[in-house]
Each structure stands twice: as C-alpha cells, then as structure tokens.
PDB file of N, CA and C in Angstrom:
ATOM      1  N   MET A   1     -20.325 -60.136  12.447  1.00  0.00           N
ATOM      2  CA  MET A   1     -20.564 -59.427  11.203  1.00  0.00           C
ATOM      3  C   MET A   1     -20.669 -57.913  11.445  1.00  0.00           C
ATOM      4  N   ARG A   2     -21.258 -57.544  12.556  1.00  0.00           N
ATOM      5  CA  ARG A   2     -21.428 -56.130  12.866  1.00  0.00           C
ATOM      6  C   ARG A   2     -20.076 -55.442  13.045  1.00  0.00           C
ATOM      7  N   PHE A   3     -19.112 -56.109  13.693  1.00  0.00           N
ATOM      8  CA  PHE A   3     -17.792 -55.535  13.910  1.00  0.00           C
ATOM      9  C   PHE A   3     -17.059 -55.330  12.586  1.00  0.00           C
ATOM     10  N   LEU A   4     -17.227 -56.247  11.687  1.00  0.00           N
ATOM     11  CA  LEU A   4     -16.614 -56.121  10.373  1.00  0.00           C
ATOM     12  C   LEU A   4     -17.185 -54.917   9.627  1.00  0.00           C
ATOM     13  N   TRP A   5     -18.499 -54.706   9.728  1.00  0.00           N
ATOM     14  CA  TRP A   5     -19.138 -53.558   9.076  1.00  0.00           C
ATOM     15  C   TRP A   5     -18.639 -52.253   9.700  1.00  0.00           C
ATOM     16  N   GLN A   6     -18.498 -52.193  11.022  1.00  0.00           N
ATOM     17  CA  GLN A   6     -17.978 -50.995  11.690  1.00  0.00           C
ATOM     18  C   GLN A   6     -16.536 -50.725  11.286  1.00  0.00           C
ATOM     19  N   PHE A   7     -15.753 -51.787  11.171  1.00  0.00           N
ATOM     20  CA  PHE A   7     -14.367 -51.639  10.757  1.00  0.00           C
ATOM     21  C   PHE A   7     -14.267 -50.984   9.378  1.00  0.00           C
ATOM     22  N   PHE A   8     -15.022 -51.485   8.409  1.00  0.00           N
ATOM     23  CA  PHE A   8     -14.995 -50.909   7.059  1.00  0.00           C
ATOM     24  C   PHE A   8     -15.566 -49.490   7.038  1.00  0.00           C
ATOM     25  N   HIS A   9     -16.560 -49.237   7.858  1.00  0.00           N
ATOM     26  CA  HIS A   9     -17.137 -47.887   7.939  1.00  0.00           C
ATOM     27  C   HIS A   9     -16.093 -46.890   8.455  1.00  0.00           C
ATOM     28  N   ARG A  10     -15.317 -47.288   9.469  1.00  0.00           N
ATOM     29  CA  ARG A  10     -14.265 -46.410   9.998  1.00  0.00           C
ATOM     30  C   ARG A  10     -13.183 -46.155   8.957  1.00  0.00           C
ATOM     31  N   ILE A  11     -12.819 -47.163   8.214  1.00  0.00           N
ATOM     32  CA  ILE A  11     -11.808 -46.986   7.169  1.00  0.00           C
ATOM     33  C   ILE A  11     -12.296 -46.009   6.103  1.00  0.00           C
ATOM     34  N   VAL A  12     -13.532 -46.163   5.681  1.00  0.00           N
ATOM     35  CA  VAL A  12     -14.098 -45.261   4.668  1.00  0.00           C
ATOM     36  C   VAL A  12     -14.138 -43.829   5.204  1.00  0.00           C
ATOM     37  N   GLU A  13     -14.522 -43.631   6.461  1.00  0.00           N
ATOM     38  CA  GLU A  13     -14.569 -42.287   7.051  1.00  0.00           C
ATOM     39  C   GLU A  13     -13.174 -41.673   7.151  1.00  0.00           C
ATOM     40  N   ARG A  14     -12.169 -42.455   7.485  1.00  0.00           N
ATOM     41  CA  ARG A  14     -10.801 -41.948   7.541  1.00  0.00           C
ATOM     42  C   ARG A  14     -10.314 -41.505   6.163  1.00  0.00           C
ATOM     43  N   ILE A  15     -10.635 -42.279   5.153  1.00  0.00           N
ATOM     44  CA  ILE A  15     -10.235 -41.919   3.794  1.00  0.00           C
ATOM     45  C   ILE A  15     -10.930 -40.629   3.360  1.00  0.00           C
ATOM     46  N   LYS A  16     -12.200 -40.464   3.694  1.00  0.00           N
ATOM     47  CA  LYS A  16     -12.923 -39.233   3.352  1.00  0.00           C
ATOM     48  C   LYS A  16     -12.293 -38.026   4.039  1.00  0.00           C
ATOM     49  N   ARG A  17     -11.995 -38.163   5.341  1.00  0.00           N
ATOM     50  CA  ARG A  17     -11.370 -37.054   6.064  1.00  0.00           C
ATOM     51  C   ARG A  17      -9.998 -36.731   5.491  1.00  0.00           C
ATOM     52  N   TRP A  18      -9.221 -37.740   5.145  1.00  0.00           N
ATOM     53  CA  TRP A  18      -7.898 -37.517   4.572  1.00  0.00           C
ATOM     54  C   TRP A  18      -7.983 -36.756   3.252  1.00  0.00           C
ATOM     55  N   ARG A  19      -8.958 -37.112   2.406  1.00  0.00           N
ATOM     56  CA  ARG A  19      -9.116 -36.426   1.121  1.00  0.00           C
ATOM     57  C   ARG A  19      -9.537 -34.978   1.323  1.00  0.00           C
ATOM     58  N   ILE A  20     -10.415 -34.713   2.293  1.00  0.00           N
ATOM     59  CA  ILE A  20     -10.850 -33.339   2.567  1.00  0.00           C
ATOM     60  C   ILE A  20      -9.669 -32.510   3.069  1.00  0.00           C
ATOM     61  N   GLU A  21      -8.881 -33.058   3.987  1.00  0.00           N
ATOM     62  CA  GLU A  21      -7.714 -32.329   4.502  1.00  0.00           C
ATOM     63  C   GLU A  21      -6.684 -32.083   3.414  1.00  0.00           C
ATOM     64  N   ARG A  22      -6.532 -33.022   2.509  1.00  0.00           N
ATOM     65  CA  ARG A  22      -5.571 -32.879   1.421  1.00  0.00           C
ATOM     66  C   ARG A  22      -5.966 -31.784   0.453  1.00  0.00           C
ATOM     67  N   ARG A  23      -7.263 -31.603   0.258  1.00  0.00           N
ATOM     68  CA  ARG A  23      -7.742 -30.585  -0.685  1.00  0.00           C
ATOM     69  C   ARG A  23      -7.820 -29.193  -0.067  1.00  0.00           C
ATOM     70  N   ALA A  24      -7.731 -29.092   1.246  1.00  0.00           N
ATOM     71  CA  ALA A  24      -7.830 -27.794   1.917  1.00  0.00           C
ATOM     72  C   ALA A  24      -6.648 -26.917   1.517  1.00  0.00           C
ATOM     73  N   PRO A  25      -6.887 -25.610   1.343  1.00  0.00           N
ATOM     74  CA  PRO A  25      -5.776 -24.721   0.993  1.00  0.00           C
ATOM     75  C   PRO A  25      -4.790 -24.610   2.150  1.00  0.00           C
ATOM     76  N   ARG A  26      -3.524 -24.616   1.814  1.00  0.00           N
ATOM     77  CA  ARG A  26      -2.480 -24.531   2.826  1.00  0.00           C
ATOM     78  C   ARG A  26      -1.944 -23.106   2.885  1.00  0.00           C
ATOM     79  N   PRO A  27      -1.576 -22.637   4.070  1.00  0.00           N
ATOM     80  CA  PRO A  27      -1.029 -21.274   4.168  1.00  0.00           C
ATOM     81  C   PRO A  27       0.339 -21.189   3.494  1.00  0.00           C
ATOM     82  N   ILE A  28       0.627 -20.030   2.941  1.00  0.00           N
ATOM     83  CA  ILE A  28       1.915 -19.798   2.308  1.00  0.00           C
ATOM     84  C   ILE A  28       2.909 -19.423   3.399  1.00  0.00           C
ATOM     85  N   LEU A  29       3.993 -20.153   3.477  1.00  0.00           N
ATOM     86  CA  LEU A  29       5.004 -19.907   4.489  1.00  0.00           C
ATOM     87  C   LEU A  29       6.164 -19.144   3.873  1.00  0.00           C
ATOM     88  N   ILE A  30       6.523 -18.021   4.501  1.00  0.00           N
ATOM     89  CA  ILE A  30       7.635 -17.209   4.030  1.00  0.00           C
ATOM     90  C   ILE A  30       8.765 -17.332   5.051  1.00  0.00           C
ATOM     91  N   PRO A  31       9.957 -17.704   4.633  1.00  0.00           N
ATOM     92  CA  PRO A  31      11.069 -17.799   5.584  1.00  0.00           C
ATOM     93  C   PRO A  31      11.360 -16.445   6.223  1.00  0.00           C
ATOM     94  N   LEU A  32      11.733 -16.447   7.489  1.00  0.00           N
ATOM     95  CA  LEU A  32      11.975 -15.208   8.210  1.00  0.00           C
ATOM     96  C   LEU A  32      13.112 -14.393   7.621  1.00  0.00           C
ATOM     97  N   ASP A  33      14.182 -15.034   7.214  1.00  0.00           N
ATOM     98  CA  ASP A  33      15.305 -14.272   6.674  1.00  0.00           C
ATOM     99  C   ASP A  33      14.942 -13.583   5.372  1.00  0.00           C
ATOM    100  N   MET A  34      14.054 -14.153   4.590  1.00  0.00           N
ATOM    101  CA  MET A  34      13.637 -13.537   3.333  1.00  0.00           C
ATOM    102  C   MET A  34      12.731 -12.335   3.590  1.00  0.00           C
ATOM    103  N   SER A  35      11.808 -12.450   4.527  1.00  0.00           N
ATOM    104  CA  SER A  35      10.874 -11.352   4.764  1.00  0.00           C
ATOM    105  C   SER A  35      11.564 -10.179   5.442  1.00  0.00           C
ATOM    106  N   ALA A  36      12.574 -10.421   6.266  1.00  0.00           N
ATOM    107  CA  ALA A  36      13.231  -9.345   6.984  1.00  0.00           C
ATOM    108  C   ALA A  36      14.228  -8.597   6.109  1.00  0.00           C
ATOM    109  N   GLY A  37      14.880  -9.275   5.195  1.00  0.00           N
ATOM    110  CA  GLY A  37      15.939  -8.644   4.428  1.00  0.00           C
ATOM    111  C   GLY A  37      15.504  -7.974   3.148  1.00  0.00           C
ATOM    112  N   MET A  38      14.433  -8.425   2.544  1.00  0.00           N
ATOM    113  CA  MET A  38      14.060  -7.918   1.228  1.00  0.00           C
ATOM    114  C   MET A  38      13.251  -6.632   1.276  1.00  0.00           C
ATOM    115  N   TYR A  39      12.434  -6.488   2.271  1.00  0.00           N
ATOM    116  CA  TYR A  39      11.517  -5.357   2.313  1.00  0.00           C
ATOM    117  C   TYR A  39      11.814  -4.488   3.521  1.00  0.00           C
ATOM    118  N   PRO A  40      11.713  -3.156   3.351  1.00  0.00           N
ATOM    119  CA  PRO A  40      11.917  -2.296   4.518  1.00  0.00           C
ATOM    120  C   PRO A  40      10.790  -2.516   5.522  1.00  0.00           C
ATOM    121  N   THR A  41      11.151  -2.857   6.742  1.00  0.00           N
ATOM    122  CA  THR A  41      10.132  -3.176   7.734  1.00  0.00           C
ATOM    123  C   THR A  41       9.809  -1.991   8.641  1.00  0.00           C
ATOM    124  N   SER A  42      10.674  -0.997   8.691  1.00  0.00           N
ATOM    125  CA  SER A  42      10.433   0.121   9.599  1.00  0.00           C
ATOM    126  C   SER A  42      10.056   1.379   8.826  1.00  0.00           C
ATOM    127  N   VAL A  43       8.978   1.324   8.080  1.00  0.00           N
ATOM    128  CA  VAL A  43       8.530   2.462   7.291  1.00  0.00           C
ATOM    129  C   VAL A  43       7.316   3.095   7.968  1.00  0.00           C
ATOM    130  N   ALA A  44       7.298   3.072   9.273  1.00  0.00           N
ATOM    131  CA  ALA A  44       6.178   3.636  10.006  1.00  0.00           C
ATOM    132  C   ALA A  44       6.211   5.162   9.923  1.00  0.00           C
ATOM    133  N   ILE A  45       5.044   5.753   9.951  1.00  0.00           N
ATOM    134  CA  ILE A  45       4.915   7.213   9.954  1.00  0.00           C
ATOM    135  C   ILE A  45       4.894   7.672  11.414  1.00  0.00           C
ATOM    136  N   HIS A  46       5.754   8.604  11.745  1.00  0.00           N
ATOM    137  CA  HIS A  46       5.848   9.138  13.101  1.00  0.00           C
ATOM    138  C   HIS A  46       5.290  10.550  13.130  1.00  0.00           C
ATOM    139  N   ARG A  47       4.975  11.026  14.328  1.00  0.00           N
ATOM    140  CA  ARG A  47       4.467  12.402  14.436  1.00  0.00           C
ATOM    141  C   ARG A  47       4.937  13.022  15.747  1.00  0.00           C
ATOM    142  N   ASP A  48       5.172  14.314  15.680  1.00  0.00           N
ATOM    143  CA  ASP A  48       5.487  15.122  16.857  1.00  0.00           C
ATOM    144  C   ASP A  48       4.347  16.110  17.040  1.00  0.00           C
ATOM    145  N   VAL A  49       3.731  16.088  18.200  1.00  0.00           N
ATOM    146  CA  VAL A  49       2.632  17.009  18.488  1.00  0.00           C
ATOM    147  C   VAL A  49       3.202  18.170  19.291  1.00  0.00           C
ATOM    148  N   THR A  50       3.009  19.387  18.775  1.00  0.00           N
ATOM    149  CA  THR A  50       3.462  20.597  19.451  1.00  0.00           C
ATOM    150  C   THR A  50       2.266  21.518  19.641  1.00  0.00           C
ATOM    151  N   PRO A  51       2.402  22.552  20.450  1.00  0.00           N
ATOM    152  CA  PRO A  51       1.283  23.498  20.598  1.00  0.00           C
ATOM    153  C   PRO A  51       0.915  24.186  19.286  1.00  0.00           C
ATOM    154  N   ASN A  52       1.863  24.255  18.340  1.00  0.00           N
ATOM    155  CA  ASN A  52       1.609  24.912  17.064  1.00  0.00           C
ATOM    156  C   ASN A  52       1.032  23.982  16.004  1.00  0.00           C
ATOM    157  N   GLY A  53       1.060  22.690  16.229  1.00  0.00           N
ATOM    158  CA  GLY A  53       0.541  21.750  15.236  1.00  0.00           C
ATOM    159  C   GLY A  53       1.211  20.393  15.347  1.00  0.00           C
ATOM    160  N   VAL A  54       1.050  19.617  14.289  1.00  0.00           N
ATOM    161  CA  VAL A  54       1.594  18.266  14.257  1.00  0.00           C
ATOM    162  C   VAL A  54       2.586  18.164  13.109  1.00  0.00           C
ATOM    163  N   ARG A  55       3.757  17.632  13.378  1.00  0.00           N
ATOM    164  CA  ARG A  55       4.749  17.379  12.333  1.00  0.00           C
ATOM    165  C   ARG A  55       4.777  15.890  12.062  1.00  0.00           C
ATOM    166  N   VAL A  56       4.648  15.524  10.797  1.00  0.00           N
ATOM    167  CA  VAL A  56       4.634  14.126  10.391  1.00  0.00           C
ATOM    168  C   VAL A  56       5.941  13.827   9.667  1.00  0.00           C
ATOM    169  N   TYR A  57       6.577  12.705  10.023  1.00  0.00           N
ATOM    170  CA  TYR A  57       7.845  12.332   9.393  1.00  0.00           C
ATOM    171  C   TYR A  57       7.989  10.816   9.413  1.00  0.00           C
ATOM    172  N   SER A  58       8.994  10.316   8.677  1.00  0.00           N
ATOM    173  CA  SER A  58       9.338   8.896   8.718  1.00  0.00           C
ATOM    174  C   SER A  58      10.838   8.788   8.913  1.00  0.00           C
ATOM    175  N   LEU A  59      11.303   7.572   9.159  1.00  0.00           N
ATOM    176  CA  LEU A  59      12.729   7.323   9.338  1.00  0.00           C
ATOM    177  C   LEU A  59      13.235   6.490   8.174  1.00  0.00           C
ATOM    178  N   CYS A  60      14.486   6.713   7.797  1.00  0.00           N
ATOM    179  CA  CYS A  60      15.114   5.941   6.725  1.00  0.00           C
ATOM    180  C   CYS A  60      15.138   4.476   7.148  1.00  0.00           C
ATOM    181  N   ALA A  61      14.742   3.589   6.251  1.00  0.00           N
ATOM    182  CA  ALA A  61      14.689   2.170   6.562  1.00  0.00           C
ATOM    183  C   ALA A  61      16.083   1.568   6.711  1.00  0.00           C
ATOM    184  N   SER A  62      17.096   2.239   6.216  1.00  0.00           N
ATOM    185  CA  SER A  62      18.447   1.698   6.278  1.00  0.00           C
ATOM    186  C   SER A  62      19.251   2.274   7.445  1.00  0.00           C
ATOM    187  N   CYS A  63      19.327   3.597   7.532  1.00  0.00           N
ATOM    188  CA  CYS A  63      20.186   4.212   8.555  1.00  0.00           C
ATOM    189  C   CYS A  63      19.414   4.878   9.689  1.00  0.00           C
ATOM    190  N   GLY A  64      18.113   5.118   9.522  1.00  0.00           N
ATOM    191  CA  GLY A  64      17.315   5.713  10.590  1.00  0.00           C
ATOM    192  C   GLY A  64      17.272   7.225  10.591  1.00  0.00           C
ATOM    193  N   ALA A  65      17.763   7.860   9.535  1.00  0.00           N
ATOM    194  CA  ALA A  65      17.729   9.321   9.459  1.00  0.00           C
ATOM    195  C   ALA A  65      16.282   9.803   9.320  1.00  0.00           C
ATOM    196  N   ARG A  66      16.000  10.995   9.833  1.00  0.00           N
ATOM    197  CA  ARG A  66      14.653  11.562   9.783  1.00  0.00           C
ATOM    198  C   ARG A  66      14.365  12.107   8.378  1.00  0.00           C
ATOM    199  N   LEU A  67      13.202  11.743   7.812  1.00  0.00           N
ATOM    200  CA  LEU A  67      12.845  12.096   6.436  1.00  0.00           C
ATOM    201  C   LEU A  67      11.479  12.750   6.377  1.00  0.00           C
ATOM    202  N   HIS A  68      11.088  13.153   5.178  1.00  0.00           N
ATOM    203  CA  HIS A  68       9.732  13.633   4.953  1.00  0.00           C
ATOM    204  C   HIS A  68       8.761  12.464   5.074  1.00  0.00           C
ATOM    205  N   ALA A  69       7.479  12.735   5.169  1.00  0.00           N
ATOM    206  CA  ALA A  69       6.483  11.706   5.473  1.00  0.00           C
ATOM    207  C   ALA A  69       6.406  10.597   4.429  1.00  0.00           C
ATOM    208  N   SER A  70       6.648  10.900   3.160  1.00  0.00           N
ATOM    209  CA  SER A  70       6.423   9.888   2.132  1.00  0.00           C
ATOM    210  C   SER A  70       7.680   9.123   1.736  1.00  0.00           C
ATOM    211  N   ALA A  71       8.845   9.476   2.236  1.00  0.00           N
ATOM    212  CA  ALA A  71      10.084   8.833   1.819  1.00  0.00           C
ATOM    213  C   ALA A  71      10.351   7.560   2.624  1.00  0.00           C
ATOM    214  N   THR A  72      11.099   6.629   2.017  1.00  0.00           N
ATOM    215  CA  THR A  72      11.469   5.400   2.724  1.00  0.00           C
ATOM    216  C   THR A  72      12.976   5.278   2.904  1.00  0.00           C
ATOM    217  N   LEU A  73      13.771   5.899   2.031  1.00  0.00           N
ATOM    218  CA  LEU A  73      15.227   5.881   2.141  1.00  0.00           C
ATOM    219  C   LEU A  73      15.767   7.296   1.991  1.00  0.00           C
ATOM    220  N   CYS A  74      16.849   7.610   2.707  1.00  0.00           N
ATOM    221  CA  CYS A  74      17.496   8.907   2.511  1.00  0.00           C
ATOM    222  C   CYS A  74      18.289   8.854   1.205  1.00  0.00           C
ATOM    223  N   GLU A  75      18.772   9.987   0.750  1.00  0.00           N
ATOM    224  CA  GLU A  75      19.485  10.057  -0.532  1.00  0.00           C
ATOM    225  C   GLU A  75      20.746   9.193  -0.519  1.00  0.00           C
ATOM    226  N   GLU A  76      21.499   9.230   0.579  1.00  0.00           N
ATOM    227  CA  GLU A  76      22.731   8.445   0.644  1.00  0.00           C
ATOM    228  C   GLU A  76      22.454   6.946   0.541  1.00  0.00           C
ATOM    229  N   CYS A  77      21.468   6.474   1.291  1.00  0.00           N
ATOM    230  CA  CYS A  77      21.142   5.038   1.259  1.00  0.00           C
ATOM    231  C   CYS A  77      20.561   4.637  -0.092  1.00  0.00           C
ATOM    232  N   ALA A  78      19.776   5.516  -0.704  1.00  0.00           N
ATOM    233  CA  ALA A  78      19.226   5.214  -2.019  1.00  0.00           C
ATOM    234  C   ALA A  78      20.342   5.107  -3.051  1.00  0.00           C
ATOM    235  N   GLN A  79      21.357   5.982  -2.954  1.00  0.00           N
ATOM    236  CA  GLN A  79      22.484   5.924  -3.878  1.00  0.00           C
ATOM    237  C   GLN A  79      23.294   4.646  -3.667  1.00  0.00           C
ATOM    238  N   LYS A  80      23.452   4.234  -2.409  1.00  0.00           N
ATOM    239  CA  LYS A  80      24.208   3.018  -2.125  1.00  0.00           C
ATOM    240  C   LYS A  80      23.498   1.781  -2.655  1.00  0.00           C
ATOM    241  N   LYS A  81      22.169   1.770  -2.566  1.00  0.00           N
ATOM    242  CA  LYS A  81      21.403   0.591  -2.983  1.00  0.00           C
ATOM    243  C   LYS A  81      21.178   0.522  -4.479  1.00  0.00           C
ATOM    244  N   SER A  82      21.251   1.677  -5.178  1.00  0.00           N
ATOM    245  CA  SER A  82      21.021   1.646  -6.616  1.00  0.00           C
ATOM    246  C   SER A  82      22.260   1.124  -7.320  1.00  0.00           C
ATOM    247  N   ARG A  83      22.049   0.402  -8.388  1.00  0.00           N
ATOM    248  CA  ARG A  83      23.163  -0.175  -9.153  1.00  0.00           C
ATOM    249  C   ARG A  83      23.695   0.848 -10.148  1.00  0.00           C
ATOM    250  N   PRO A  84      24.971   0.862 -10.332  1.00  0.00           N
ATOM    251  CA  PRO A  84      25.509   1.753 -11.378  1.00  0.00           C
ATOM    252  C   PRO A  84      25.154   1.207 -12.762  1.00  0.00           C
ATOM    253  N   ALA A  85      24.993   2.113 -13.709  1.00  0.00           N
ATOM    254  CA  ALA A  85      24.645   1.705 -15.067  1.00  0.00           C
ATOM    255  C   ALA A  85      25.833   0.972 -15.692  1.00  0.00           C
ATOM    256  N   ARG A  86      25.552  -0.065 -16.465  1.00  0.00           N
ATOM    257  CA  ARG A  86      26.600  -0.822 -17.139  1.00  0.00           C
ATOM    258  C   ARG A  86      27.063  -0.089 -18.396  1.00  0.00           C
ATOM    259  N   PRO A  87      28.330   0.049 -18.573  1.00  0.00           N
ATOM    260  CA  PRO A  87      28.811   0.653 -19.825  1.00  0.00           C
ATOM    261  C   PRO A  87      28.752  -0.359 -20.956  1.00  0.00           C
ATOM    262  N   TYR A  88      28.179   0.037 -22.084  1.00  0.00           N
ATOM    263  CA  TYR A  88      28.090  -0.851 -23.241  1.00  0.00           C
ATOM    264  C   TYR A  88      28.962  -0.383 -24.359  1.00  0.00           C
TER     265      TYR A  88
END
C-alpha cells in the first residue's frame, strides 16, 4: 500500500511541476537574419583623442563613411534607402 501511495504522490508532483513550467514566461526569440538586416548594428560613437581635444564621430551604418556624432547614415545611403514618392 505504501508503494502505491508513493507512486500517486510522484505523479501529482510531476503534474504540479509541469504546470509551473508551462506558466513560466518564455524568452522572446528573434531570428538572427531579422535582427542583423533590419536595424543598423554599427552605430557606435567613436572618438579621436588629440593634444588639442577630443573629436567625436560615427560611421555610416551602410557604407562606413565618417559622419557627425549624431548621424547614422550618410546622405547618399539615406537617399538610396528612402522610397521615391508615388505619383497620383
């Protein structure tokens, strides 16, 4: 009789653990190709330290051209990525 009680106790504990794991929040998975292609990943701020001071700049996320500190795309790349207006 004791073994039967232990058997049912183990089954009940497994069901409880399964329900807790099922209710736990799951991490959101983002595919690698989507995260790499949609958002500019190289928008880091760079700096050059000289005896006269520090120059802060960034690089274009598309072609790598040197830009002002707050920009993410150069003018040419921004023009290429923008859509032309539709004629109505």
